[in-house]
Amino acid sequence: MKSRHELEKIFAQIQDHDEMIAFFEEIFTPKEVSDLKLRWELLKELHAGHTQRRIASDHKISLCKITRGSKILKKGNSVTKRLLDACYGPKK
């Protein structure tokens, strides 16, 4: 658990976008970055009001991969929802 907390603090400290890019490239494999990108895309699409079935069809993935994101956005204290609202406006 200590390593996780250290890593979370490191992410929070990085303010420069180019440094974050370099850090991602150093610690994540291309597949891991691709998985993160897909997770974020699914969350954005859910936040925008797209249905889980549409998202699954568009990305050719199972509904199971999308359900977790849907649950996250339904939580009242979701940091992810707050960040999406700040970046893209509240869900309509």
C-alpha atoms as a PDB file:
ATOM      1  CA  MET A   1       0.000   0.000   0.000  1.00  0.00           C
ATOM      2  CA  LYS A   2       2.902   2.340   0.703  1.00  0.00           C
ATOM      3  CA  SER A   3       3.995   2.242  -2.953  1.00  0.00           C
ATOM      4  CA  ARG A   4       0.477   3.115  -4.084  1.00  0.00           C
ATOM      5  CA  HIS A   5       0.392   6.185  -1.844  1.00  0.00           C
ATOM      6  CA  GLU A   6       3.833   7.241  -3.040  1.00  0.00           C
ATOM      7  CA  LEU A   7       2.713   6.929  -6.647  1.00  0.00           C
ATOM      8  CA  GLU A   8      -0.479   8.903  -5.968  1.00  0.00           C
ATOM      9  CA  LYS A   9       1.605  11.695  -4.435  1.00  0.00           C
ATOM     10  CA  ILE A  10       3.962  11.690  -7.418  1.00  0.00           C
ATOM     11  CA  PHE A  11       1.021  12.032  -9.827  1.00  0.00           C
ATOM     12  CA  ALA A  12      -0.358  14.896  -7.752  1.00  0.00           C
ATOM     13  CA  GLN A  13       2.996  16.692  -7.802  1.00  0.00           C
ATOM     14  CA  ILE A  14       3.494  16.654 -11.563  1.00  0.00           C
ATOM     15  CA  GLN A  15       2.293  19.987 -12.911  1.00  0.00           C
ATOM     16  CA  ASP A  16       4.000  20.047 -16.300  1.00  0.00           C
ATOM     17  CA  HIS A  17       2.189  18.255 -19.150  1.00  0.00           C
ATOM     18  CA  ASP A  18       5.403  17.269 -20.942  1.00  0.00           C
ATOM     19  CA  GLU A  19       6.754  15.793 -17.709  1.00  0.00           C
ATOM     20  CA  MET A  20       3.521  13.808 -17.251  1.00  0.00           C
ATOM     21  CA  ILE A  21       3.812  12.475 -20.804  1.00  0.00           C
ATOM     22  CA  ALA A  22       7.410  11.394 -20.163  1.00  0.00           C
ATOM     23  CA  PHE A  23       6.442   9.806 -16.839  1.00  0.00           C
ATOM     24  CA  PHE A  24       3.593   7.858 -18.479  1.00  0.00           C
ATOM     25  CA  GLU A  25       5.951   6.607 -21.191  1.00  0.00           C
ATOM     26  CA  GLU A  26       8.505   5.551 -18.600  1.00  0.00           C
ATOM     27  CA  ILE A  27       6.257   3.637 -16.205  1.00  0.00           C
ATOM     28  CA  PHE A  28       3.391   2.350 -18.370  1.00  0.00           C
ATOM     29  CA  THR A  29       3.490  -0.028 -21.317  1.00  0.00           C
ATOM     30  CA  PRO A  30       1.717   1.083 -24.510  1.00  0.00           C
ATOM     31  CA  LYS A  31      -1.065  -1.426 -23.673  1.00  0.00           C
ATOM     32  CA  GLU A  32      -1.512   0.048 -20.188  1.00  0.00           C
ATOM     33  CA  VAL A  33      -1.765   3.553 -21.651  1.00  0.00           C
ATOM     34  CA  SER A  34      -4.258   2.283 -24.223  1.00  0.00           C
ATOM     35  CA  ASP A  35      -6.356   0.734 -21.434  1.00  0.00           C
ATOM     36  CA  LEU A  36      -6.302   4.009 -19.492  1.00  0.00           C
ATOM     37  CA  LYS A  37      -7.308   5.967 -22.589  1.00  0.00           C
ATOM     38  CA  LEU A  38     -10.219   3.606 -23.225  1.00  0.00           C
ATOM     39  CA  ARG A  39     -11.376   3.841 -19.593  1.00  0.00           C
ATOM     40  CA  TRP A  40     -11.348   7.651 -19.790  1.00  0.00           C
ATOM     41  CA  GLU A  41     -13.172   7.642 -23.142  1.00  0.00           C
ATOM     42  CA  LEU A  42     -15.882   5.371 -21.717  1.00  0.00           C
ATOM     43  CA  LEU A  43     -16.300   7.671 -18.721  1.00  0.00           C
ATOM     44  CA  LYS A  44     -16.574  10.730 -20.972  1.00  0.00           C
ATOM     45  CA  GLU A  45     -19.189   9.037 -23.144  1.00  0.00           C
ATOM     46  CA  LEU A  46     -21.215   7.897 -20.126  1.00  0.00           C
ATOM     47  CA  HIS A  47     -20.989  11.409 -18.710  1.00  0.00           C
ATOM     48  CA  ALA A  48     -22.240  12.814 -22.020  1.00  0.00           C
ATOM     49  CA  GLY A  49     -25.319  10.612 -21.728  1.00  0.00           C
ATOM     50  CA  HIS A  50     -24.482   7.838 -24.189  1.00  0.00           C
ATOM     51  CA  THR A  51     -26.072   4.508 -23.339  1.00  0.00           C
ATOM     52  CA  GLN A  52     -23.945   1.607 -22.166  1.00  0.00           C
ATOM     53  CA  ARG A  53     -25.125  -0.474 -25.124  1.00  0.00           C
ATOM     54  CA  ARG A  54     -24.124   2.205 -27.625  1.00  0.00           C
ATOM     55  CA  ILE A  55     -20.704   2.585 -26.029  1.00  0.00           C
ATOM     56  CA  ALA A  56     -20.187  -1.185 -26.030  1.00  0.00           C
ATOM     57  CA  SER A  57     -21.169  -1.365 -29.676  1.00  0.00           C
ATOM     58  CA  ASP A  58     -19.036   1.624 -30.726  1.00  0.00           C
ATOM     59  CA  HIS A  59     -15.917   0.265 -28.994  1.00  0.00           C
ATOM     60  CA  LYS A  60     -16.675  -3.420 -29.583  1.00  0.00           C
ATOM     61  CA  ILE A  61     -16.352  -4.264 -25.897  1.00  0.00           C
ATOM     62  CA  SER A  62     -18.554  -6.012 -23.352  1.00  0.00           C
ATOM     63  CA  LEU A  63     -21.064  -4.186 -21.184  1.00  0.00           C
ATOM     64  CA  CYS A  64     -19.121  -5.385 -18.132  1.00  0.00           C
ATOM     65  CA  LYS A  65     -16.282  -2.987 -18.945  1.00  0.00           C
ATOM     66  CA  ILE A  66     -18.715  -0.079 -18.960  1.00  0.00           C
ATOM     67  CA  THR A  67     -20.730  -0.944 -15.855  1.00  0.00           C
ATOM     68  CA  ARG A  68     -17.928   0.034 -13.493  1.00  0.00           C
ATOM     69  CA  GLY A  69     -17.765   3.519 -15.004  1.00  0.00           C
ATOM     70  CA  SER A  70     -21.516   3.898 -14.775  1.00  0.00           C
ATOM     71  CA  LYS A  71     -21.425   3.024 -11.074  1.00  0.00           C
ATOM     72  CA  ILE A  72     -18.629   5.518 -10.474  1.00  0.00           C
ATOM     73  CA  LEU A  73     -20.589   8.350 -12.085  1.00  0.00           C
ATOM     74  CA  LYS A  74     -23.715   7.529 -10.051  1.00  0.00           C
ATOM     75  CA  LYS A  75     -21.897   7.907  -6.718  1.00  0.00           C
ATOM     76  CA  GLY A  76     -22.750  11.207  -5.052  1.00  0.00           C
ATOM     77  CA  ASN A  77     -19.166  11.923  -4.008  1.00  0.00           C
ATOM     78  CA  SER A  78     -17.484  10.763  -7.225  1.00  0.00           C
ATOM     79  CA  VAL A  79     -14.209  12.567  -7.893  1.00  0.00           C
ATOM     80  CA  THR A  80     -14.416  11.365 -11.496  1.00  0.00           C
ATOM     81  CA  LYS A  81     -17.848  12.945 -11.979  1.00  0.00           C
ATOM     82  CA  ARG A  82     -16.650  16.194 -10.417  1.00  0.00           C
ATOM     83  CA  LEU A  83     -13.656  16.285 -12.766  1.00  0.00           C
ATOM     84  CA  LEU A  84     -15.795  15.498 -15.822  1.00  0.00           C
ATOM     85  CA  ASP A  85     -18.301  18.187 -14.801  1.00  0.00           C
ATOM     86  CA  ALA A  86     -15.441  20.698 -14.475  1.00  0.00           C
ATOM     87  CA  CYS A  87     -13.955  19.758 -17.871  1.00  0.00           C
ATOM     88  CA  TYR A  88     -17.114  19.203 -19.914  1.00  0.00           C
ATOM     89  CA  GLY A  89     -19.964  20.723 -17.917  1.00  0.00           C
ATOM     90  CA  PRO A  90     -22.562  18.898 -15.861  1.00  0.00           C
ATOM     91  CA  LYS A  91     -24.324  15.968 -17.504  1.00  0.00           C
ATOM     92  CA  LYS A  92     -27.497  17.026 -19.223  1.00  0.00           C
END
